[in-house]
Amino acid sequence: MSKHQIHLLDLQAAYRVSIVDVTYRGDCCPDNRKDFQIRFSNSLQDEGNDNPRCAVVSTIPAGATYSYSCHGMEGRYVTVNIPAASMVLTLCEVGVYAIFPGNSDVCFA
């Protein structure tokens, strides 16, 4: 069983990522809308908790969508987690924009 709350997105291949959009639920859990991390890598060792970090999210208002620049970080697995074992991760949506040759982006949601 996981010691951390985690949302995992498997892109099925390694991609360079430009932006990650995170939308938080608007209907509950105001105390859980802070202090989570967005990480990338090709490894799921330790549920991705040791992978390079794209962003640390201090807070998101209920129902809001925030975008985080990942500056071309590369990985197959995108994890969003709350390190505190006592917190519950309650996201609405996570969108990942990958960089493809020719500078066009595609979204994995």
PDB file of N, CA and C in Angstrom:
ATOM      1  N   MET A   1       0.834  -1.190   0.000  1.00  0.00           N
ATOM      2  CA  MET A   1       0.000   0.000   0.000  1.00  0.00           C
ATOM      3  C   MET A   1       0.873   1.246   0.000  1.00  0.00           C
ATOM      4  N   SER A   2       0.451   2.266  -0.724  1.00  0.00           N
ATOM      5  CA  SER A   2       1.210   3.493  -0.867  1.00  0.00           C
ATOM      6  C   SER A   2       1.245   4.277   0.434  1.00  0.00           C
ATOM      7  N   LYS A   3       2.423   4.841   0.733  1.00  0.00           N
ATOM      8  CA  LYS A   3       2.525   5.704   1.898  1.00  0.00           C
ATOM      9  C   LYS A   3       2.192   7.152   1.545  1.00  0.00           C
ATOM     10  N   HIS A   4       2.105   7.450   0.256  1.00  0.00           N
ATOM     11  CA  HIS A   4       1.771   8.789  -0.223  1.00  0.00           C
ATOM     12  C   HIS A   4       0.560   8.704  -1.152  1.00  0.00           C
ATOM     13  N   GLN A   5      -0.207   9.787  -1.226  1.00  0.00           N
ATOM     14  CA  GLN A   5      -1.273   9.883  -2.207  1.00  0.00           C
ATOM     15  C   GLN A   5      -0.623  10.233  -3.538  1.00  0.00           C
ATOM     16  N   ILE A   6      -1.014   9.519  -4.614  1.00  0.00           N
ATOM     17  CA  ILE A   6      -0.345   9.694  -5.901  1.00  0.00           C
ATOM     18  C   ILE A   6      -1.340   9.583  -7.056  1.00  0.00           C
ATOM     19  N   HIS A   7      -1.136  10.429  -8.066  1.00  0.00           N
ATOM     20  CA  HIS A   7      -1.845  10.320  -9.338  1.00  0.00           C
ATOM     21  C   HIS A   7      -0.758  10.033 -10.367  1.00  0.00           C
ATOM     22  N   LEU A   8      -0.900   8.939 -11.106  1.00  0.00           N
ATOM     23  CA  LEU A   8       0.114   8.512 -12.069  1.00  0.00           C
ATOM     24  C   LEU A   8      -0.454   8.551 -13.477  1.00  0.00           C
ATOM     25  N   LEU A   9       0.306   9.151 -14.387  1.00  0.00           N
ATOM     26  CA  LEU A   9      -0.043   9.148 -15.799  1.00  0.00           C
ATOM     27  C   LEU A   9       1.094   8.488 -16.560  1.00  0.00           C
ATOM     28  N   ASP A  10       0.789   7.412 -17.277  1.00  0.00           N
ATOM     29  CA  ASP A  10       1.763   6.693 -18.093  1.00  0.00           C
ATOM     30  C   ASP A  10       1.585   7.151 -19.537  1.00  0.00           C
ATOM     31  N   LEU A  11       2.566   7.848 -20.076  1.00  0.00           N
ATOM     32  CA  LEU A  11       2.501   8.370 -21.445  1.00  0.00           C
ATOM     33  C   LEU A  11       2.817   7.302 -22.491  1.00  0.00           C
ATOM     34  N   GLN A  12       3.159   6.089 -22.077  1.00  0.00           N
ATOM     35  CA  GLN A  12       3.451   4.934 -22.929  1.00  0.00           C
ATOM     36  C   GLN A  12       4.783   5.032 -23.655  1.00  0.00           C
ATOM     37  N   ALA A  13       5.434   6.173 -23.594  1.00  0.00           N
ATOM     38  CA  ALA A  13       6.772   6.379 -24.155  1.00  0.00           C
ATOM     39  C   ALA A  13       7.337   7.635 -23.502  1.00  0.00           C
ATOM     40  N   ALA A  14       8.644   7.807 -23.590  1.00  0.00           N
ATOM     41  CA  ALA A  14       9.269   9.004 -23.020  1.00  0.00           C
ATOM     42  C   ALA A  14       9.043  10.198 -23.946  1.00  0.00           C
ATOM     43  N   TYR A  15       8.618  11.301 -23.375  1.00  0.00           N
ATOM     44  CA  TYR A  15       8.391  12.549 -24.113  1.00  0.00           C
ATOM     45  C   TYR A  15       9.031  13.701 -23.362  1.00  0.00           C
ATOM     46  N   ARG A  16       9.391  14.732 -24.110  1.00  0.00           N
ATOM     47  CA  ARG A  16       9.771  16.004 -23.497  1.00  0.00           C
ATOM     48  C   ARG A  16       8.480  16.763 -23.230  1.00  0.00           C
ATOM     49  N   VAL A  17       8.355  17.319 -22.051  1.00  0.00           N
ATOM     50  CA  VAL A  17       7.100  17.956 -21.636  1.00  0.00           C
ATOM     51  C   VAL A  17       7.305  19.445 -21.432  1.00  0.00           C
ATOM     52  N   SER A  18       6.383  20.224 -22.005  1.00  0.00           N
ATOM     53  CA  SER A  18       6.468  21.675 -21.864  1.00  0.00           C
ATOM     54  C   SER A  18       5.617  22.183 -20.692  1.00  0.00           C
ATOM     55  N   ILE A  19       4.372  21.729 -20.607  1.00  0.00           N
ATOM     56  CA  ILE A  19       3.414  22.259 -19.620  1.00  0.00           C
ATOM     57  C   ILE A  19       2.635  21.119 -18.983  1.00  0.00           C
ATOM     58  N   VAL A  20       2.339  21.261 -17.693  1.00  0.00           N
ATOM     59  CA  VAL A  20       1.395  20.384 -17.010  1.00  0.00           C
ATOM     60  C   VAL A  20       0.299  21.277 -16.431  1.00  0.00           C
ATOM     61  N   ASP A  21      -0.957  20.983 -16.806  1.00  0.00           N
ATOM     62  CA  ASP A  21      -2.119  21.683 -16.247  1.00  0.00           C
ATOM     63  C   ASP A  21      -2.723  20.822 -15.149  1.00  0.00           C
ATOM     64  N   VAL A  22      -3.019  21.429 -14.015  1.00  0.00           N
ATOM     65  CA  VAL A  22      -3.661  20.726 -12.911  1.00  0.00           C
ATOM     66  C   VAL A  22      -4.952  21.460 -12.568  1.00  0.00           C
ATOM     67  N   THR A  23      -6.070  20.722 -12.588  1.00  0.00           N
ATOM     68  CA  THR A  23      -7.367  21.272 -12.192  1.00  0.00           C
ATOM     69  C   THR A  23      -7.782  20.599 -10.898  1.00  0.00           C
ATOM     70  N   TYR A  24      -8.078  21.412  -9.911  1.00  0.00           N
ATOM     71  CA  TYR A  24      -8.468  20.877  -8.616  1.00  0.00           C
ATOM     72  C   TYR A  24      -9.980  20.818  -8.494  1.00  0.00           C
ATOM     73  N   ARG A  25     -10.471  19.865  -7.745  1.00  0.00           N
ATOM     74  CA  ARG A  25     -11.917  19.737  -7.524  1.00  0.00           C
ATOM     75  C   ARG A  25     -12.461  21.016  -6.916  1.00  0.00           C
ATOM     76  N   GLY A  26     -13.682  21.353  -7.298  1.00  0.00           N
ATOM     77  CA  GLY A  26     -14.310  22.552  -6.774  1.00  0.00           C
ATOM     78  C   GLY A  26     -15.315  22.276  -5.676  1.00  0.00           C
ATOM     79  N   ASP A  27     -15.522  20.993  -5.365  1.00  0.00           N
ATOM     80  CA  ASP A  27     -16.631  20.663  -4.470  1.00  0.00           C
ATOM     81  C   ASP A  27     -16.220  20.119  -3.105  1.00  0.00           C
ATOM     82  N   CYS A  28     -14.922  20.023  -2.831  1.00  0.00           N
ATOM     83  CA  CYS A  28     -14.556  19.486  -1.516  1.00  0.00           C
ATOM     84  C   CYS A  28     -13.106  19.755  -1.172  1.00  0.00           C
ATOM     85  N   CYS A  29     -12.764  19.371  -0.001  1.00  0.00           N
ATOM     86  CA  CYS A  29     -11.398  19.157   0.467  1.00  0.00           C
ATOM     87  C   CYS A  29     -10.482  20.384   0.423  1.00  0.00           C
ATOM     88  N   PRO A  30     -10.894  21.511   0.998  1.00  0.00           N
ATOM     89  CA  PRO A  30     -10.059  22.714   0.924  1.00  0.00           C
ATOM     90  C   PRO A  30      -8.687  22.565   1.571  1.00  0.00           C
ATOM     91  N   ASP A  31      -8.557  21.707   2.557  1.00  0.00           N
ATOM     92  CA  ASP A  31      -7.270  21.545   3.224  1.00  0.00           C
ATOM     93  C   ASP A  31      -6.271  20.724   2.421  1.00  0.00           C
ATOM     94  N   ASN A  32      -6.732  20.056   1.375  1.00  0.00           N
ATOM     95  CA  ASN A  32      -5.857  19.193   0.578  1.00  0.00           C
ATOM     96  C   ASN A  32      -5.395  19.840  -0.720  1.00  0.00           C
ATOM     97  N   ARG A  33      -5.599  21.132  -0.880  1.00  0.00           N
ATOM     98  CA  ARG A  33      -5.246  21.805  -2.127  1.00  0.00           C
ATOM     99  C   ARG A  33      -3.879  22.481  -2.039  1.00  0.00           C
ATOM    100  N   LYS A  34      -2.953  21.858  -1.365  1.00  0.00           N
ATOM    101  CA  LYS A  34      -1.643  22.491  -1.207  1.00  0.00           C
ATOM    102  C   LYS A  34      -0.550  21.454  -1.059  1.00  0.00           C
ATOM    103  N   ASP A  35       0.639  21.931  -1.301  1.00  0.00           N
ATOM    104  CA  ASP A  35       1.859  21.170  -1.039  1.00  0.00           C
ATOM    105  C   ASP A  35       1.948  19.844  -1.788  1.00  0.00           C
ATOM    106  N   PHE A  36       1.539  19.838  -3.063  1.00  0.00           N
ATOM    107  CA  PHE A  36       1.780  18.622  -3.833  1.00  0.00           C
ATOM    108  C   PHE A  36       2.827  18.882  -4.901  1.00  0.00           C
ATOM    109  N   GLN A  37       3.372  17.790  -5.452  1.00  0.00           N
ATOM    110  CA  GLN A  37       4.507  17.866  -6.360  1.00  0.00           C
ATOM    111  C   GLN A  37       4.186  17.197  -7.690  1.00  0.00           C
ATOM    112  N   ILE A  38       4.783  17.744  -8.751  1.00  0.00           N
ATOM    113  CA  ILE A  38       4.679  17.153 -10.089  1.00  0.00           C
ATOM    114  C   ILE A  38       6.077  16.663 -10.448  1.00  0.00           C
ATOM    115  N   ARG A  39       6.188  15.365 -10.792  1.00  0.00           N
ATOM    116  CA  ARG A  39       7.492  14.758 -11.083  1.00  0.00           C
ATOM    117  C   ARG A  39       7.449  13.968 -12.386  1.00  0.00           C
ATOM    118  N   PHE A  40       8.636  13.825 -13.038  1.00  0.00           N
ATOM    119  CA  PHE A  40       8.778  13.102 -14.303  1.00  0.00           C
ATOM    120  C   PHE A  40       9.941  12.150 -14.247  1.00  0.00           C
ATOM    121  N   SER A  41       9.804  11.030 -14.932  1.00  0.00           N
ATOM    122  CA  SER A  41      10.936  10.127 -15.114  1.00  0.00           C
ATOM    123  C   SER A  41      10.513   8.932 -15.946  1.00  0.00           C
ATOM    124  N   ASN A  42      11.462   8.059 -16.192  1.00  0.00           N
ATOM    125  CA  ASN A  42      11.194   6.780 -16.844  1.00  0.00           C
ATOM    126  C   ASN A  42      11.108   5.663 -15.816  1.00  0.00           C
ATOM    127  N   SER A  43      11.127   6.014 -14.547  1.00  0.00           N
ATOM    128  CA  SER A  43      11.132   5.022 -13.470  1.00  0.00           C
ATOM    129  C   SER A  43       9.936   5.213 -12.547  1.00  0.00           C
ATOM    130  N   LEU A  44       9.431   4.090 -12.048  1.00  0.00           N
ATOM    131  CA  LEU A  44       8.382   4.132 -11.029  1.00  0.00           C
ATOM    132  C   LEU A  44       8.912   3.648  -9.677  1.00  0.00           C
ATOM    133  N   GLN A  45      10.222   3.561  -9.572  1.00  0.00           N
ATOM    134  CA  GLN A  45      10.811   3.157  -8.298  1.00  0.00           C
ATOM    135  C   GLN A  45      10.353   4.118  -7.208  1.00  0.00           C
ATOM    136  N   ASP A  46       9.980   3.595  -6.064  1.00  0.00           N
ATOM    137  CA  ASP A  46       9.447   4.384  -4.944  1.00  0.00           C
ATOM    138  C   ASP A  46       8.269   5.243  -5.392  1.00  0.00           C
ATOM    139  N   GLU A  47       7.451   4.702  -6.296  1.00  0.00           N
ATOM    140  CA  GLU A  47       6.254   5.371  -6.829  1.00  0.00           C
ATOM    141  C   GLU A  47       6.563   6.737  -7.433  1.00  0.00           C
ATOM    142  N   GLY A  48       7.775   6.915  -7.931  1.00  0.00           N
ATOM    143  CA  GLY A  48       8.163   8.161  -8.579  1.00  0.00           C
ATOM    144  C   GLY A  48       8.535   9.278  -7.630  1.00  0.00           C
ATOM    145  N   ASN A  49       8.592   9.017  -6.337  1.00  0.00           N
ATOM    146  CA  ASN A  49       8.871  10.071  -5.358  1.00  0.00           C
ATOM    147  C   ASN A  49      10.289  10.608  -5.411  1.00  0.00           C
ATOM    148  N   ASP A  50      11.207   9.864  -6.016  1.00  0.00           N
ATOM    149  CA  ASP A  50      12.589  10.331  -6.139  1.00  0.00           C
ATOM    150  C   ASP A  50      12.877  10.899  -7.520  1.00  0.00           C
ATOM    151  N   ASN A  51      11.879  10.941  -8.396  1.00  0.00           N
ATOM    152  CA  ASN A  51      12.071  11.439  -9.758  1.00  0.00           C
ATOM    153  C   ASN A  51      12.266  12.952  -9.761  1.00  0.00           C
ATOM    154  N   PRO A  52      12.873  13.485 -10.824  1.00  0.00           N
ATOM    155  CA  PRO A  52      13.057  14.932 -10.919  1.00  0.00           C
ATOM    156  C   PRO A  52      11.720  15.672 -10.829  1.00  0.00           C
ATOM    157  N   ARG A  53      11.746  16.808 -10.148  1.00  0.00           N
ATOM    158  CA  ARG A  53      10.537  17.577  -9.883  1.00  0.00           C
ATOM    159  C   ARG A  53      10.374  18.696 -10.897  1.00  0.00           C
ATOM    160  N   CYS A  54       9.185  18.791 -11.462  1.00  0.00           N
ATOM    161  CA  CYS A  54       8.823  19.892 -12.348  1.00  0.00           C
ATOM    162  C   CYS A  54       8.331  21.075 -11.530  1.00  0.00           C
ATOM    163  N   ALA A  55       7.512  20.811 -10.522  1.00  0.00           N
ATOM    164  CA  ALA A  55       6.918  21.911  -9.739  1.00  0.00           C
ATOM    165  C   ALA A  55       6.504  21.425  -8.361  1.00  0.00           C
ATOM    166  N   VAL A  56       6.504  22.358  -7.429  1.00  0.00           N
ATOM    167  CA  VAL A  56       5.890  22.157  -6.122  1.00  0.00           C
ATOM    168  C   VAL A  56       4.735  23.148  -6.066  1.00  0.00           C
ATOM    169  N   VAL A  57       3.546  22.627  -5.869  1.00  0.00           N
ATOM    170  CA  VAL A  57       2.337  23.448  -5.898  1.00  0.00           C
ATOM    171  C   VAL A  57       1.988  23.818  -4.472  1.00  0.00           C
ATOM    172  N   SER A  58       2.060  25.115  -4.170  1.00  0.00           N
ATOM    173  CA  SER A  58       1.781  25.544  -2.803  1.00  0.00           C
ATOM    174  C   SER A  58       0.278  25.573  -2.519  1.00  0.00           C
ATOM    175  N   THR A  59      -0.527  26.000  -3.484  1.00  0.00           N
ATOM    176  CA  THR A  59      -1.982  25.995  -3.309  1.00  0.00           C
ATOM    177  C   THR A  59      -2.671  26.231  -4.647  1.00  0.00           C
ATOM    178  N   ILE A  60      -3.880  25.697  -4.796  1.00  0.00           N
ATOM    179  CA  ILE A  60      -4.733  25.934  -5.958  1.00  0.00           C
ATOM    180  C   ILE A  60      -6.136  26.190  -5.433  1.00  0.00           C
ATOM    181  N   PRO A  61      -6.772  27.272  -5.848  1.00  0.00           N
ATOM    182  CA  PRO A  61      -8.153  27.512  -5.424  1.00  0.00           C
ATOM    183  C   PRO A  61      -9.099  26.421  -5.934  1.00  0.00           C
ATOM    184  N   ALA A  62     -10.157  26.186  -5.219  1.00  0.00           N
ATOM    185  CA  ALA A  62     -11.147  25.170  -5.596  1.00  0.00           C
ATOM    186  C   ALA A  62     -11.637  25.412  -7.019  1.00  0.00           C
ATOM    187  N   GLY A  63     -11.610  24.375  -7.849  1.00  0.00           N
ATOM    188  CA  GLY A  63     -12.120  24.438  -9.205  1.00  0.00           C
ATOM    189  C   GLY A  63     -11.212  25.117 -10.210  1.00  0.00           C
ATOM    190  N   ALA A  64     -10.088  25.637  -9.777  1.00  0.00           N
ATOM    191  CA  ALA A  64      -9.183  26.371 -10.663  1.00  0.00           C
ATOM    192  C   ALA A  64      -8.242  25.428 -11.405  1.00  0.00           C
ATOM    193  N   THR A  65      -7.762  25.892 -12.570  1.00  0.00           N
ATOM    194  CA  THR A  65      -6.741  25.187 -13.336  1.00  0.00           C
ATOM    195  C   THR A  65      -5.498  26.060 -13.367  1.00  0.00           C
ATOM    196  N   TYR A  66      -4.386  25.506 -12.966  1.00  0.00           N
ATOM    197  CA  TYR A  66      -3.105  26.205 -13.022  1.00  0.00           C
ATOM    198  C   TYR A  66      -2.184  25.439 -13.966  1.00  0.00           C
ATOM    199  N   SER A  67      -1.308  26.171 -14.644  1.00  0.00           N
ATOM    200  CA  SER A  67      -0.335  25.585 -15.560  1.00  0.00           C
ATOM    201  C   SER A  67       1.065  25.729 -14.987  1.00  0.00           C
ATOM    202  N   TYR A  68       1.855  24.681 -15.151  1.00  0.00           N
ATOM    203  CA  TYR A  68       3.224  24.662 -14.646  1.00  0.00           C
ATOM    204  C   TYR A  68       4.166  24.326 -15.788  1.00  0.00           C
ATOM    205  N   SER A  69       5.187  25.154 -15.980  1.00  0.00           N
ATOM    206  CA  SER A  69       6.154  24.940 -17.041  1.00  0.00           C
ATOM    207  C   SER A  69       7.192  23.921 -16.588  1.00  0.00           C
ATOM    208  N   CYS A  70       7.412  22.919 -17.425  1.00  0.00           N
ATOM    209  CA  CYS A  70       8.382  21.868 -17.096  1.00  0.00           C
ATOM    210  C   CYS A  70       9.637  21.957 -17.954  1.00  0.00           C
ATOM    211  N   HIS A  71       9.724  22.954 -18.817  1.00  0.00           N
ATOM    212  CA  HIS A  71      10.942  23.297 -19.554  1.00  0.00           C
ATOM    213  C   HIS A  71      11.576  22.115 -20.283  1.00  0.00           C
ATOM    214  N   GLY A  72      10.752  21.263 -20.890  1.00  0.00           N
ATOM    215  CA  GLY A  72      11.280  20.166 -21.687  1.00  0.00           C
ATOM    216  C   GLY A  72      11.786  18.972 -20.894  1.00  0.00           C
ATOM    217  N   MET A  73      11.376  18.860 -19.629  1.00  0.00           N
ATOM    218  CA  MET A  73      11.759  17.666 -18.860  1.00  0.00           C
ATOM    219  C   MET A  73      11.276  16.430 -19.612  1.00  0.00           C
ATOM    220  N   GLU A  74      12.015  15.352 -19.499  1.00  0.00           N
ATOM    221  CA  GLU A  74      11.670  14.147 -20.262  1.00  0.00           C
ATOM    222  C   GLU A  74      11.314  13.000 -19.333  1.00  0.00           C
ATOM    223  N   GLY A  75      10.305  12.238 -19.740  1.00  0.00           N
ATOM    224  CA  GLY A  75       9.942  11.054 -18.986  1.00  0.00           C
ATOM    225  C   GLY A  75       8.707  10.380 -19.544  1.00  0.00           C
ATOM    226  N   ARG A  76       8.539   9.143 -19.168  1.00  0.00           N
ATOM    227  CA  ARG A  76       7.350   8.373 -19.543  1.00  0.00           C
ATOM    228  C   ARG A  76       6.256   8.519 -18.498  1.00  0.00           C
ATOM    229  N   TYR A  77       6.670   8.621 -17.249  1.00  0.00           N
ATOM    230  CA  TYR A  77       5.706   8.663 -16.147  1.00  0.00           C
ATOM    231  C   TYR A  77       5.634  10.056 -15.542  1.00  0.00           C
ATOM    232  N   VAL A  78       4.422  10.537 -15.387  1.00  0.00           N
ATOM    233  CA  VAL A  78       4.157  11.802 -14.718  1.00  0.00           C
ATOM    234  C   VAL A  78       3.439  11.450 -13.423  1.00  0.00           C
ATOM    235  N   THR A  79       3.973  11.902 -12.314  1.00  0.00           N
ATOM    236  CA  THR A  79       3.305  11.659 -11.046  1.00  0.00           C
ATOM    237  C   THR A  79       2.984  12.990 -10.376  1.00  0.00           C
ATOM    238  N   VAL A  80       1.815  13.036  -9.780  1.00  0.00           N
ATOM    239  CA  VAL A  80       1.418  14.158  -8.936  1.00  0.00           C
ATOM    240  C   VAL A  80       1.180  13.532  -7.578  1.00  0.00           C
ATOM    241  N   ASN A  81       1.881  14.036  -6.567  1.00  0.00           N
ATOM    242  CA  ASN A  81       1.732  13.424  -5.248  1.00  0.00           C
ATOM    243  C   ASN A  81       1.758  14.446  -4.125  1.00  0.00           C
ATOM    244  N   ILE A  82       1.220  14.027  -2.997  1.00  0.00           N
ATOM    245  CA  ILE A  82       1.326  14.789  -1.753  1.00  0.00           C
ATOM    246  C   ILE A  82       2.237  13.975  -0.839  1.00  0.00           C
ATOM    247  N   PRO A  83       3.405  14.519  -0.473  1.00  0.00           N
ATOM    248  CA  PRO A  83       4.326  13.765   0.358  1.00  0.00           C
ATOM    249  C   PRO A  83       3.763  13.407   1.742  1.00  0.00           C
ATOM    250  N   ALA A  84       2.883  14.230   2.283  1.00  0.00           N
ATOM    251  CA  ALA A  84       2.328  13.960   3.612  1.00  0.00           C
ATOM    252  C   ALA A  84       1.364  12.781   3.549  1.00  0.00           C
ATOM    253  N   ALA A  85       1.659  11.734   4.286  1.00  0.00           N
ATOM    254  CA  ALA A  85       0.844  10.519   4.244  1.00  0.00           C
ATOM    255  C   ALA A  85      -0.579  10.763   4.752  1.00  0.00           C
ATOM    256  N   SER A  86      -0.791  11.790   5.539  1.00  0.00           N
ATOM    257  CA  SER A  86      -2.119  12.038   6.112  1.00  0.00           C
ATOM    258  C   SER A  86      -3.043  12.825   5.188  1.00  0.00           C
ATOM    259  N   MET A  87      -2.527  13.344   4.080  1.00  0.00           N
ATOM    260  CA  MET A  87      -3.327  14.153   3.157  1.00  0.00           C
ATOM    261  C   MET A  87      -3.900  13.267   2.049  1.00  0.00           C
ATOM    262  N   VAL A  88      -5.050  13.694   1.498  1.00  0.00           N
ATOM    263  CA  VAL A  88      -5.688  12.980   0.397  1.00  0.00           C
ATOM    264  C   VAL A  88      -5.589  13.846  -0.858  1.00  0.00           C
ATOM    265  N   LEU A  89      -5.140  13.267  -1.965  1.00  0.00           N
ATOM    266  CA  LEU A  89      -5.013  13.978  -3.233  1.00  0.00           C
ATOM    267  C   LEU A  89      -6.343  13.900  -3.968  1.00  0.00           C
ATOM    268  N   THR A  90      -6.993  15.027  -4.185  1.00  0.00           N
ATOM    269  CA  THR A  90      -8.323  15.052  -4.815  1.00  0.00           C
ATOM    270  C   THR A  90      -8.311  15.994  -6.008  1.00  0.00           C
ATOM    271  N   LEU A  91      -7.765  15.519  -7.118  1.00  0.00           N
ATOM    272  CA  LEU A  91      -7.675  16.304  -8.343  1.00  0.00           C
ATOM    273  C   LEU A  91      -8.879  16.046  -9.229  1.00  0.00           C
ATOM    274  N   CYS A  92      -9.176  17.013 -10.092  1.00  0.00           N
ATOM    275  CA  CYS A  92     -10.214  16.840 -11.096  1.00  0.00           C
ATOM    276  C   CYS A  92      -9.595  16.357 -12.410  1.00  0.00           C
ATOM    277  N   GLU A  93      -8.479  16.990 -12.809  1.00  0.00           N
ATOM    278  CA  GLU A  93      -7.867  16.653 -14.093  1.00  0.00           C
ATOM    279  C   GLU A  93      -6.405  17.057 -14.109  1.00  0.00           C
ATOM    280  N   VAL A  94      -5.608  16.278 -14.838  1.00  0.00           N
ATOM    281  CA  VAL A  94      -4.205  16.610 -15.091  1.00  0.00           C
ATOM    282  C   VAL A  94      -3.987  16.503 -16.596  1.00  0.00           C
ATOM    283  N   GLY A  95      -3.480  17.553 -17.207  1.00  0.00           N
ATOM    284  CA  GLY A  95      -3.172  17.556 -18.635  1.00  0.00           C
ATOM    285  C   GLY A  95      -1.677  17.743 -18.822  1.00  0.00           C
ATOM    286  N   VAL A  96      -1.080  16.951 -19.704  1.00  0.00           N
ATOM    287  CA  VAL A  96       0.357  17.008 -19.953  1.00  0.00           C
ATOM    288  C   VAL A  96       0.569  17.353 -21.423  1.00  0.00           C
ATOM    289  N   TYR A  97       1.311  18.415 -21.688  1.00  0.00           N
ATOM    290  CA  TYR A  97       1.584  18.853 -23.053  1.00  0.00           C
ATOM    291  C   TYR A  97       3.007  18.475 -23.426  1.00  0.00           C
ATOM    292  N   ALA A  98       3.136  17.538 -24.364  1.00  0.00           N
ATOM    293  CA  ALA A  98       4.437  17.040 -24.800  1.00  0.00           C
ATOM    294  C   ALA A  98       4.923  17.826 -26.001  1.00  0.00           C
ATOM    295  N   ILE A  99       6.239  17.943 -26.120  1.00  0.00           N
ATOM    296  CA  ILE A  99       6.879  18.639 -27.233  1.00  0.00           C
ATOM    297  C   ILE A  99       7.226  17.613 -28.305  1.00  0.00           C
ATOM    298  N   PHE A 100       6.788  17.870 -29.525  1.00  0.00           N
ATOM    299  CA  PHE A 100       7.093  17.005 -30.654  1.00  0.00           C
ATOM    300  C   PHE A 100       7.969  17.758 -31.641  1.00  0.00           C
ATOM    301  N   PRO A 101       8.692  17.028 -32.495  1.00  0.00           N
ATOM    302  CA  PRO A 101       9.504  17.700 -33.509  1.00  0.00           C
ATOM    303  C   PRO A 101       8.659  18.698 -34.302  1.00  0.00           C
ATOM    304  N   GLY A 102       9.238  19.847 -34.583  1.00  0.00           N
ATOM    305  CA  GLY A 102       8.512  20.913 -35.269  1.00  0.00           C
ATOM    306  C   GLY A 102       7.827  21.860 -34.291  1.00  0.00           C
ATOM    307  N   ASN A 103       8.117  21.699 -32.989  1.00  0.00           N
ATOM    308  CA  ASN A 103       7.596  22.558 -31.922  1.00  0.00           C
ATOM    309  C   ASN A 103       6.095  22.532 -31.746  1.00  0.00           C
ATOM    310  N   SER A 104       5.430  21.496 -32.200  1.00  0.00           N
ATOM    311  CA  SER A 104       3.999  21.399 -31.915  1.00  0.00           C
ATOM    312  C   SER A 104       3.801  20.612 -30.621  1.00  0.00           C
ATOM    313  N   ASP A 105       2.759  20.969 -29.881  1.00  0.00           N
ATOM    314  CA  ASP A 105       2.435  20.303 -28.621  1.00  0.00           C
ATOM    315  C   ASP A 105       1.240  19.407 -28.791  1.00  0.00           C
ATOM    316  N   VAL A 106       1.192  18.353 -27.998  1.00  0.00           N
ATOM    317  CA  VAL A 106       0.007  17.494 -27.950  1.00  0.00           C
ATOM    318  C   VAL A 106      -0.307  17.275 -26.479  1.00  0.00           C
ATOM    319  N   CYS A 107      -1.588  17.164 -26.158  1.00  0.00           N
ATOM    320  CA  CYS A 107      -1.994  17.017 -24.766  1.00  0.00           C
ATOM    321  C   CYS A 107      -2.378  15.593 -24.460  1.00  0.00           C
ATOM    322  N   PHE A 108      -1.848  15.066 -23.363  1.00  0.00           N
ATOM    323  CA  PHE A 108      -2.280  13.798 -22.781  1.00  0.00           C
ATOM    324  C   PHE A 108      -3.082  14.166 -21.553  1.00  0.00           C
ATOM    325  N   ALA A 109      -4.333  13.772 -21.503  1.00  0.00           N
ATOM    326  CA  ALA A 109      -5.129  14.117 -20.322  1.00  0.00           C
ATOM    327  C   ALA A 109      -5.650  12.863 -19.678  1.00  0.00           C
TER     328      ALA A 109
END
